[in-house]
């Protein structure tokens, strides 16, 4: 019974240890559902008016093409919103690094690493800054923050470096 409860709530087995870093991030989308509906009504309205104008001139196939344009824009936004469901979570404690990546289709990838044996690698580009961030253990790289902006990726790298350094130093426990 207790093992099932721990599996359902993954943070509970680390409850005795302090959390050095806990982050969750998703791809940023600047347009919400309400904004999407407004944009689609505007695009559909303009396409309809222009399509009717071409229909009245006798160019009836153009009317259908305007409809296909609206459908293509709607599908592109739907795919964009679907990809925004992806997320990554990183939990660092003195004895564990838990990586959890959820893809847009809901597939979950989880890895647990030992912070004492894990190295943080930064791939820097001279003109563009931090381009790739990986945690590496036993020669296997785990890419993290792939969909983050460069500044956000650099902030994540700094926070991870601090958490890993603290984990490698060890946790000071009080006598009380």
N, C-alpha and C. Protein backbone atom coordinates (compact mmCIF):
# COMPACT_ATOMS: atom_id res chain seq x y z
N UNK A 1 0.83 -1.19 0.00
CA UNK A 1 0.00 0.00 0.00
C UNK A 1 0.87 1.25 0.00
N UNK A 2 1.88 1.27 0.85
CA UNK A 2 2.75 2.43 0.93
C UNK A 2 3.58 2.59 -0.34
N UNK A 3 4.02 1.47 -0.95
CA UNK A 3 4.81 1.54 -2.18
C UNK A 3 3.99 2.13 -3.31
N UNK A 4 2.68 1.79 -3.37
CA UNK A 4 1.83 2.34 -4.42
C UNK A 4 1.65 3.84 -4.22
N UNK A 5 1.55 4.26 -2.98
CA UNK A 5 1.39 5.69 -2.70
C UNK A 5 2.65 6.45 -3.11
N UNK A 6 3.80 5.87 -2.88
CA UNK A 6 5.06 6.51 -3.27
C UNK A 6 5.15 6.60 -4.78
N UNK A 7 4.70 5.57 -5.50
CA UNK A 7 4.76 5.60 -6.96
C UNK A 7 3.82 6.66 -7.53
N UNK A 8 2.69 6.88 -6.88
CA UNK A 8 1.75 7.89 -7.37
C UNK A 8 2.24 9.30 -7.12
N UNK A 9 2.96 9.51 -6.04
CA UNK A 9 3.46 10.83 -5.67
C UNK A 9 4.99 10.76 -5.60
N UNK A 10 5.67 11.00 -6.74
CA UNK A 10 7.11 10.75 -6.79
C UNK A 10 7.94 11.61 -5.86
N UNK A 11 7.48 12.73 -5.40
CA UNK A 11 8.28 13.57 -4.53
C UNK A 11 8.32 13.09 -3.10
N UNK A 12 7.47 12.12 -2.73
CA UNK A 12 7.36 11.72 -1.34
C UNK A 12 8.56 10.91 -0.85
N UNK A 13 9.20 10.12 -1.73
CA UNK A 13 10.30 9.32 -1.24
C UNK A 13 11.51 10.20 -0.91
N UNK A 14 11.55 11.43 -1.39
CA UNK A 14 12.64 12.35 -1.10
C UNK A 14 12.28 13.32 0.00
N UNK A 15 11.20 13.03 0.73
CA UNK A 15 10.70 13.98 1.72
C UNK A 15 11.70 14.21 2.85
N UNK A 16 12.52 13.21 3.19
CA UNK A 16 13.47 13.36 4.28
C UNK A 16 14.65 14.23 3.87
N UNK A 17 14.89 14.37 2.58
CA UNK A 17 16.00 15.17 2.09
C UNK A 17 15.52 16.56 1.68
N UNK A 18 16.40 17.53 1.79
CA UNK A 18 16.02 18.87 1.33
C UNK A 18 16.01 18.91 -0.20
N UNK A 19 15.13 19.70 -0.75
CA UNK A 19 15.07 19.90 -2.19
C UNK A 19 16.02 21.04 -2.55
N UNK A 20 17.02 20.75 -3.36
CA UNK A 20 18.00 21.75 -3.76
C UNK A 20 17.51 22.57 -4.95
N UNK A 21 16.75 21.93 -5.82
CA UNK A 21 16.19 22.60 -6.99
C UNK A 21 14.97 21.84 -7.46
N UNK A 22 13.92 22.55 -7.75
CA UNK A 22 12.72 21.95 -8.30
C UNK A 22 12.15 22.94 -9.32
N UNK A 23 12.19 22.57 -10.59
CA UNK A 23 11.69 23.44 -11.65
C UNK A 23 10.79 22.65 -12.58
N UNK A 24 9.82 23.36 -13.14
CA UNK A 24 8.92 22.81 -14.16
C UNK A 24 8.74 23.91 -15.19
N UNK A 25 8.94 23.58 -16.45
CA UNK A 25 8.79 24.58 -17.48
C UNK A 25 8.15 23.98 -18.72
N UNK A 26 7.46 24.86 -19.46
CA UNK A 26 6.74 24.49 -20.67
C UNK A 26 7.09 25.48 -21.77
N UNK A 27 6.85 25.11 -23.03
CA UNK A 27 7.05 26.07 -24.11
C UNK A 27 6.10 27.26 -23.95
N UNK A 28 6.59 28.46 -24.21
CA UNK A 28 5.78 29.66 -24.06
C UNK A 28 4.90 29.84 -25.29
N UNK A 29 3.65 30.18 -25.06
CA UNK A 29 2.72 30.53 -26.13
C UNK A 29 2.10 31.87 -25.78
N UNK A 30 2.24 32.84 -26.67
CA UNK A 30 1.76 34.19 -26.38
C UNK A 30 0.28 34.36 -26.70
N UNK A 31 -0.31 33.43 -27.41
CA UNK A 31 -1.72 33.54 -27.78
C UNK A 31 -2.53 32.50 -27.00
N UNK A 32 -3.51 32.98 -26.23
CA UNK A 32 -4.36 32.06 -25.48
C UNK A 32 -5.57 31.66 -26.34
N UNK A 33 -6.47 30.86 -25.80
CA UNK A 33 -7.62 30.37 -26.56
C UNK A 33 -8.54 31.50 -27.02
N UNK A 34 -8.75 32.47 -26.16
CA UNK A 34 -9.61 33.60 -26.51
C UNK A 34 -9.00 34.38 -27.67
N UNK A 35 -7.71 34.65 -27.60
CA UNK A 35 -7.02 35.35 -28.68
C UNK A 35 -7.06 34.56 -29.97
N UNK A 36 -6.94 33.24 -29.85
CA UNK A 36 -7.02 32.37 -31.03
C UNK A 36 -8.38 32.50 -31.71
N UNK A 37 -9.44 32.50 -30.92
CA UNK A 37 -10.78 32.63 -31.50
C UNK A 37 -10.96 33.99 -32.19
N UNK A 38 -10.44 35.04 -31.58
CA UNK A 38 -10.54 36.37 -32.19
C UNK A 38 -9.79 36.40 -33.53
N UNK A 39 -8.57 35.87 -33.55
CA UNK A 39 -7.79 35.83 -34.79
C UNK A 39 -8.51 35.02 -35.86
N UNK A 40 -9.06 33.87 -35.47
CA UNK A 40 -9.74 33.04 -36.46
C UNK A 40 -11.00 33.70 -37.00
N UNK A 41 -11.75 34.41 -36.16
CA UNK A 41 -12.93 35.12 -36.66
C UNK A 41 -12.52 36.23 -37.63
N UNK A 42 -11.45 36.94 -37.34
CA UNK A 42 -10.98 38.00 -38.24
C UNK A 42 -10.52 37.40 -39.56
N UNK A 43 -9.71 36.34 -39.50
CA UNK A 43 -9.21 35.70 -40.73
C UNK A 43 -10.36 35.13 -41.54
N UNK A 44 -11.30 34.47 -40.88
CA UNK A 44 -12.44 33.89 -41.60
C UNK A 44 -13.31 34.99 -42.20
N UNK A 45 -13.52 36.09 -41.47
CA UNK A 45 -14.34 37.19 -41.99
C UNK A 45 -13.70 37.83 -43.21
N UNK A 46 -12.41 38.12 -43.14
CA UNK A 46 -11.72 38.72 -44.29
C UNK A 46 -11.72 37.77 -45.48
N UNK A 47 -11.46 36.49 -45.22
CA UNK A 47 -11.46 35.51 -46.31
C UNK A 47 -12.84 35.37 -46.93
N UNK A 48 -13.88 35.42 -46.10
CA UNK A 48 -15.23 35.30 -46.64
C UNK A 48 -15.58 36.50 -47.52
N UNK A 49 -15.29 37.71 -47.04
CA UNK A 49 -15.61 38.92 -47.81
C UNK A 49 -14.83 38.92 -49.13
N UNK A 50 -13.54 38.63 -49.07
CA UNK A 50 -12.73 38.59 -50.29
C UNK A 50 -13.19 37.47 -51.22
N UNK A 51 -13.53 36.33 -50.64
CA UNK A 51 -14.02 35.21 -51.45
C UNK A 51 -15.32 35.52 -52.15
N UNK A 52 -16.23 36.22 -51.46
CA UNK A 52 -17.50 36.62 -52.08
C UNK A 52 -17.24 37.59 -53.22
N UNK A 53 -16.29 38.50 -53.04
CA UNK A 53 -15.95 39.45 -54.11
C UNK A 53 -15.47 38.70 -55.35
N UNK A 54 -14.59 37.72 -55.17
CA UNK A 54 -14.11 36.93 -56.31
C UNK A 54 -15.23 36.07 -56.89
N UNK A 55 -16.12 35.58 -56.05
CA UNK A 55 -17.25 34.79 -56.51
C UNK A 55 -18.16 35.62 -57.41
N UNK A 56 -18.37 36.87 -57.03
CA UNK A 56 -19.23 37.76 -57.82
C UNK A 56 -18.56 38.15 -59.15
N UNK A 57 -17.24 38.10 -59.22
CA UNK A 57 -16.53 38.39 -60.46
C UNK A 57 -16.47 37.16 -61.37
N UNK A 58 -16.93 36.03 -60.88
CA UNK A 58 -16.95 34.82 -61.68
C UNK A 58 -15.77 33.89 -61.41
N UNK A 59 -14.90 34.26 -60.50
CA UNK A 59 -13.75 33.41 -60.18
C UNK A 59 -14.10 32.53 -58.99
N UNK A 60 -15.05 31.64 -59.18
CA UNK A 60 -15.57 30.83 -58.08
C UNK A 60 -14.53 29.91 -57.43
N UNK A 61 -13.50 29.41 -58.15
CA UNK A 61 -12.53 28.56 -57.44
C UNK A 61 -11.75 29.31 -56.34
N UNK A 62 -11.60 30.63 -56.50
CA UNK A 62 -10.86 31.41 -55.52
C UNK A 62 -11.58 31.38 -54.17
N UNK A 63 -12.92 31.36 -54.19
CA UNK A 63 -13.70 31.31 -52.96
C UNK A 63 -13.32 30.07 -52.14
N UNK A 64 -13.18 28.93 -52.81
CA UNK A 64 -12.78 27.70 -52.13
C UNK A 64 -11.35 27.75 -51.60
N UNK A 65 -10.49 28.43 -52.35
CA UNK A 65 -9.09 28.57 -51.90
C UNK A 65 -9.00 29.40 -50.62
N UNK A 66 -9.83 30.43 -50.52
CA UNK A 66 -9.86 31.21 -49.28
C UNK A 66 -10.29 30.33 -48.10
N UNK A 67 -11.23 29.43 -48.35
CA UNK A 67 -11.65 28.50 -47.30
C UNK A 67 -10.53 27.56 -46.90
N UNK A 68 -9.75 27.10 -47.89
CA UNK A 68 -8.61 26.23 -47.57
C UNK A 68 -7.55 26.98 -46.78
N UNK A 69 -7.36 28.27 -47.08
CA UNK A 69 -6.41 29.08 -46.31
C UNK A 69 -6.83 29.16 -44.85
N UNK A 70 -8.10 29.40 -44.60
CA UNK A 70 -8.60 29.47 -43.22
C UNK A 70 -8.39 28.13 -42.53
N UNK A 71 -8.67 27.04 -43.22
CA UNK A 71 -8.47 25.71 -42.65
C UNK A 71 -6.99 25.46 -42.34
N UNK A 72 -6.09 25.88 -43.22
CA UNK A 72 -4.66 25.68 -42.99
C UNK A 72 -4.18 26.49 -41.78
N UNK A 73 -4.66 27.71 -41.64
CA UNK A 73 -4.27 28.54 -40.48
C UNK A 73 -4.81 27.92 -39.20
N UNK A 74 -6.05 27.44 -39.22
CA UNK A 74 -6.64 26.80 -38.04
C UNK A 74 -5.83 25.56 -37.64
N UNK A 75 -5.46 24.73 -38.63
CA UNK A 75 -4.68 23.52 -38.33
C UNK A 75 -3.30 23.87 -37.77
N UNK A 76 -2.67 24.91 -38.31
CA UNK A 76 -1.35 25.31 -37.81
C UNK A 76 -1.43 25.75 -36.35
N UNK A 77 -2.45 26.52 -36.00
CA UNK A 77 -2.61 26.94 -34.61
C UNK A 77 -2.91 25.74 -33.71
N UNK A 78 -3.72 24.81 -34.16
CA UNK A 78 -4.04 23.63 -33.36
C UNK A 78 -2.77 22.83 -33.07
N UNK A 79 -1.93 22.65 -34.10
CA UNK A 79 -0.67 21.92 -33.88
C UNK A 79 0.24 22.68 -32.92
N UNK A 80 0.25 24.00 -33.02
CA UNK A 80 1.04 24.82 -32.12
C UNK A 80 0.56 24.66 -30.68
N UNK A 81 -0.75 24.72 -30.46
CA UNK A 81 -1.29 24.54 -29.11
C UNK A 81 -1.03 23.12 -28.60
N UNK A 82 -1.06 22.14 -29.49
CA UNK A 82 -0.79 20.77 -29.07
C UNK A 82 0.66 20.62 -28.60
N UNK A 83 1.59 21.24 -29.32
CA UNK A 83 3.00 21.13 -28.92
C UNK A 83 3.28 21.86 -27.61
N UNK A 84 2.42 22.79 -27.22
CA UNK A 84 2.60 23.52 -25.96
C UNK A 84 2.28 22.66 -24.75
N UNK A 85 1.72 21.48 -24.94
CA UNK A 85 1.42 20.59 -23.82
C UNK A 85 2.67 19.89 -23.28
N UNK A 86 3.77 19.99 -24.00
CA UNK A 86 5.02 19.38 -23.54
C UNK A 86 5.52 20.12 -22.30
N UNK A 87 6.22 19.41 -21.44
CA UNK A 87 6.83 20.05 -20.28
C UNK A 87 8.02 19.22 -19.80
N UNK A 88 8.86 19.87 -19.02
CA UNK A 88 10.00 19.21 -18.39
C UNK A 88 10.02 19.58 -16.92
N UNK A 89 10.37 18.61 -16.09
CA UNK A 89 10.50 18.83 -14.66
C UNK A 89 11.86 18.32 -14.21
N UNK A 90 12.50 19.09 -13.35
CA UNK A 90 13.80 18.68 -12.79
C UNK A 90 13.72 18.84 -11.28
N UNK A 91 14.07 17.77 -10.57
CA UNK A 91 14.13 17.78 -9.12
C UNK A 91 15.53 17.35 -8.71
N UNK A 92 16.19 18.18 -7.91
CA UNK A 92 17.53 17.86 -7.44
C UNK A 92 17.51 17.82 -5.91
N UNK A 93 17.93 16.69 -5.36
CA UNK A 93 18.13 16.52 -3.92
C UNK A 93 19.59 16.10 -3.73
N UNK A 94 20.07 16.01 -2.51
CA UNK A 94 21.47 15.60 -2.32
C UNK A 94 21.81 14.21 -2.86
N UNK A 95 20.82 13.33 -3.02
CA UNK A 95 21.13 11.99 -3.49
C UNK A 95 20.46 11.62 -4.80
N UNK A 96 19.72 12.55 -5.42
CA UNK A 96 18.95 12.18 -6.60
C UNK A 96 18.69 13.38 -7.51
N UNK A 97 18.80 13.14 -8.81
CA UNK A 97 18.32 14.09 -9.81
C UNK A 97 17.24 13.36 -10.58
N UNK A 98 16.04 13.88 -10.56
CA UNK A 98 14.94 13.27 -11.29
C UNK A 98 14.59 14.18 -12.47
N UNK A 99 14.69 13.60 -13.66
CA UNK A 99 14.30 14.30 -14.88
C UNK A 99 13.01 13.69 -15.39
N UNK A 100 12.06 14.54 -15.70
CA UNK A 100 10.78 14.05 -16.22
C UNK A 100 10.41 14.91 -17.42
N UNK A 101 10.27 14.28 -18.57
CA UNK A 101 9.94 14.98 -19.81
C UNK A 101 8.63 14.41 -20.34
N UNK A 102 7.65 15.28 -20.54
CA UNK A 102 6.37 14.87 -21.11
C UNK A 102 6.28 15.48 -22.50
N UNK A 103 6.10 14.63 -23.51
CA UNK A 103 6.00 15.12 -24.88
C UNK A 103 4.60 15.66 -25.13
N UNK A 104 4.40 16.27 -26.29
CA UNK A 104 3.11 16.86 -26.64
C UNK A 104 2.01 15.82 -26.71
N UNK A 105 2.34 14.58 -27.06
CA UNK A 105 1.32 13.55 -27.15
C UNK A 105 1.08 12.83 -25.82
N UNK A 106 1.77 13.26 -24.76
CA UNK A 106 1.54 12.70 -23.43
C UNK A 106 2.51 11.60 -23.02
N UNK A 107 3.46 11.25 -23.88
CA UNK A 107 4.45 10.24 -23.55
C UNK A 107 5.39 10.80 -22.48
N UNK A 108 5.62 10.01 -21.45
CA UNK A 108 6.45 10.45 -20.33
C UNK A 108 7.78 9.70 -20.34
N UNK A 109 8.88 10.45 -20.25
CA UNK A 109 10.22 9.89 -20.11
C UNK A 109 10.76 10.34 -18.77
N UNK A 110 11.17 9.38 -17.94
CA UNK A 110 11.72 9.71 -16.62
C UNK A 110 13.09 9.09 -16.47
N UNK A 111 13.98 9.84 -15.89
CA UNK A 111 15.32 9.35 -15.60
C UNK A 111 15.69 9.78 -14.19
N UNK A 112 16.43 8.93 -13.50
CA UNK A 112 16.95 9.27 -12.19
C UNK A 112 18.47 9.16 -12.25
N UNK A 113 19.14 10.23 -11.85
CA UNK A 113 20.59 10.29 -11.92
C UNK A 113 21.16 10.53 -10.53
N UNK A 114 22.39 10.12 -10.34
CA UNK A 114 23.09 10.37 -9.09
C UNK A 114 23.84 11.69 -9.24
N UNK A 115 23.55 12.69 -8.40
CA UNK A 115 24.20 13.99 -8.57
C UNK A 115 25.72 13.96 -8.37
N UNK A 116 26.22 12.96 -7.65
CA UNK A 116 27.66 12.87 -7.45
C UNK A 116 28.39 12.44 -8.73
N UNK A 117 27.68 11.77 -9.63
CA UNK A 117 28.28 11.27 -10.85
C UNK A 117 27.76 11.99 -12.09
N UNK A 118 27.05 13.07 -11.89
CA UNK A 118 26.45 13.79 -13.00
C UNK A 118 27.21 15.08 -13.27
N UNK A 119 27.43 15.35 -14.55
CA UNK A 119 28.14 16.56 -14.97
C UNK A 119 27.22 17.42 -15.82
N UNK A 120 27.26 18.71 -15.61
CA UNK A 120 26.48 19.67 -16.39
C UNK A 120 27.33 20.18 -17.54
N UNK A 121 26.86 19.98 -18.76
CA UNK A 121 27.59 20.44 -19.96
C UNK A 121 26.82 21.56 -20.63
N UNK A 122 27.56 22.59 -21.00
CA UNK A 122 26.99 23.74 -21.70
C UNK A 122 27.67 23.86 -23.06
N UNK A 123 26.87 23.92 -24.11
CA UNK A 123 27.42 24.16 -25.45
C UNK A 123 27.13 25.61 -25.80
N UNK A 124 28.20 26.40 -25.80
CA UNK A 124 28.08 27.83 -26.05
C UNK A 124 28.44 28.16 -27.49
N UNK A 125 27.71 29.10 -28.06
CA UNK A 125 28.02 29.65 -29.36
C UNK A 125 28.46 31.08 -29.13
N UNK A 126 29.53 31.47 -29.79
CA UNK A 126 30.12 32.79 -29.55
C UNK A 126 29.12 33.92 -29.75
N UNK A 127 28.30 33.84 -30.77
CA UNK A 127 27.37 34.92 -31.09
C UNK A 127 25.98 34.74 -30.48
N UNK A 128 25.57 33.51 -30.23
CA UNK A 128 24.20 33.25 -29.83
C UNK A 128 24.03 32.77 -28.39
N UNK A 129 25.10 32.61 -27.65
CA UNK A 129 24.99 32.19 -26.26
C UNK A 129 24.84 30.70 -26.09
N UNK A 130 24.21 30.30 -25.00
CA UNK A 130 24.04 28.89 -24.65
C UNK A 130 23.03 28.23 -25.59
N UNK A 131 23.50 27.28 -26.37
CA UNK A 131 22.66 26.64 -27.37
C UNK A 131 22.13 25.28 -26.93
N UNK A 132 22.87 24.60 -26.07
CA UNK A 132 22.44 23.26 -25.64
C UNK A 132 22.92 23.02 -24.23
N UNK A 133 22.05 22.44 -23.44
CA UNK A 133 22.35 22.15 -22.05
C UNK A 133 22.07 20.67 -21.81
N UNK A 134 23.06 19.97 -21.26
CA UNK A 134 22.88 18.54 -21.00
C UNK A 134 23.40 18.19 -19.61
N UNK A 135 22.77 17.19 -19.04
CA UNK A 135 23.29 16.53 -17.84
C UNK A 135 23.84 15.21 -18.34
N UNK A 136 25.06 14.90 -17.95
CA UNK A 136 25.71 13.68 -18.44
C UNK A 136 26.10 12.79 -17.28
N UNK A 137 25.71 11.52 -17.38
CA UNK A 137 26.10 10.53 -16.39
C UNK A 137 26.49 9.26 -17.13
N UNK A 138 27.66 8.75 -16.82
CA UNK A 138 28.20 7.54 -17.45
C UNK A 138 28.25 7.66 -18.97
N UNK A 139 28.61 8.84 -19.45
CA UNK A 139 28.76 9.06 -20.88
C UNK A 139 27.47 9.27 -21.64
N UNK A 140 26.35 9.21 -20.97
CA UNK A 140 25.07 9.40 -21.65
C UNK A 140 24.53 10.80 -21.36
N UNK A 141 24.34 11.60 -22.43
CA UNK A 141 23.83 12.96 -22.21
C UNK A 141 22.30 12.98 -22.16
N UNK A 142 21.76 13.80 -21.29
CA UNK A 142 20.32 14.02 -21.17
C UNK A 142 20.08 15.50 -21.48
N UNK A 143 19.51 15.78 -22.64
CA UNK A 143 19.28 17.16 -23.06
C UNK A 143 18.12 17.73 -22.24
N UNK A 144 18.33 18.92 -21.70
CA UNK A 144 17.28 19.59 -20.93
C UNK A 144 17.12 21.01 -21.43
N UNK A 145 15.93 21.53 -21.28
CA UNK A 145 15.65 22.92 -21.65
C UNK A 145 15.75 23.19 -23.13
N UNK A 146 15.45 22.21 -23.96
CA UNK A 146 15.59 22.37 -25.40
C UNK A 146 14.69 23.42 -26.00
N UNK A 147 13.52 23.64 -25.42
CA UNK A 147 12.59 24.61 -25.99
C UNK A 147 12.64 25.96 -25.29
N UNK A 148 13.59 26.13 -24.38
CA UNK A 148 13.73 27.41 -23.69
C UNK A 148 14.50 28.42 -24.53
N UNK A 149 14.24 29.68 -24.27
CA UNK A 149 15.00 30.77 -24.89
C UNK A 149 16.41 30.75 -24.29
N UNK A 150 17.36 31.34 -24.98
CA UNK A 150 18.76 31.31 -24.55
C UNK A 150 18.94 31.86 -23.13
N UNK A 151 18.31 32.98 -22.83
CA UNK A 151 18.45 33.57 -21.48
C UNK A 151 17.86 32.66 -20.41
N UNK A 152 16.73 32.03 -20.72
CA UNK A 152 16.12 31.11 -19.77
C UNK A 152 16.98 29.87 -19.59
N UNK A 153 17.59 29.40 -20.68
CA UNK A 153 18.47 28.23 -20.61
C UNK A 153 19.70 28.55 -19.77
N UNK A 154 20.23 29.77 -19.89
CA UNK A 154 21.39 30.17 -19.08
C UNK A 154 21.02 30.25 -17.60
N UNK A 155 19.82 30.76 -17.31
CA UNK A 155 19.37 30.83 -15.91
C UNK A 155 19.20 29.42 -15.34
N UNK A 156 18.63 28.51 -16.12
CA UNK A 156 18.48 27.13 -15.68
C UNK A 156 19.86 26.50 -15.44
N UNK A 157 20.81 26.76 -16.32
CA UNK A 157 22.16 26.21 -16.17
C UNK A 157 22.81 26.71 -14.89
N UNK A 158 22.67 27.99 -14.60
CA UNK A 158 23.25 28.54 -13.37
C UNK A 158 22.62 27.91 -12.14
N UNK A 159 21.29 27.79 -12.13
CA UNK A 159 20.60 27.18 -10.99
C UNK A 159 20.98 25.71 -10.82
N UNK A 160 21.09 24.99 -11.94
CA UNK A 160 21.50 23.58 -11.86
C UNK A 160 22.94 23.44 -11.36
N UNK A 161 23.80 24.32 -11.81
CA UNK A 161 25.20 24.26 -11.37
C UNK A 161 25.29 24.48 -9.86
N UNK A 162 24.52 25.44 -9.35
CA UNK A 162 24.50 25.67 -7.90
C UNK A 162 23.96 24.46 -7.15
N UNK A 163 22.87 23.88 -7.64
CA UNK A 163 22.26 22.73 -6.97
C UNK A 163 23.21 21.52 -7.00
N UNK A 164 23.86 21.29 -8.13
CA UNK A 164 24.80 20.17 -8.22
C UNK A 164 26.00 20.37 -7.31
N UNK A 165 26.49 21.60 -7.23
CA UNK A 165 27.63 21.88 -6.34
C UNK A 165 27.23 21.65 -4.89
N UNK A 166 26.03 22.06 -4.54
CA UNK A 166 25.56 21.85 -3.16
C UNK A 166 25.37 20.37 -2.87
N UNK A 167 24.86 19.62 -3.84
CA UNK A 167 24.67 18.18 -3.65
C UNK A 167 26.02 17.48 -3.50
N UNK A 168 27.03 17.93 -4.25
CA UNK A 168 28.35 17.31 -4.17
C UNK A 168 29.08 17.67 -2.88
N UNK A 169 28.78 18.84 -2.32
CA UNK A 169 29.35 19.22 -1.03
C UNK A 169 28.76 18.41 0.10
N UNK A 170 27.51 18.00 -0.06
CA UNK A 170 26.83 17.26 0.99
C UNK A 170 25.93 18.17 1.79
N UNK A 171 25.01 17.57 2.51
CA UNK A 171 24.03 18.30 3.28
C UNK A 171 24.48 18.36 4.73
N UNK A 172 24.52 19.54 5.28
CA UNK A 172 24.86 19.69 6.69
C UNK A 172 23.60 19.42 7.51
N UNK A 173 23.68 18.45 8.39
CA UNK A 173 22.52 18.11 9.21
C UNK A 173 22.77 18.63 10.65
N UNK A 174 21.73 19.18 11.22
CA UNK A 174 21.88 19.70 12.59
C UNK A 174 21.75 18.56 13.60
N UNK A 175 22.25 18.80 14.78
CA UNK A 175 22.22 17.78 15.85
C UNK A 175 20.87 17.73 16.54
N UNK A 176 20.03 18.69 16.28
CA UNK A 176 18.73 18.74 16.98
C UNK A 176 17.68 17.99 16.27
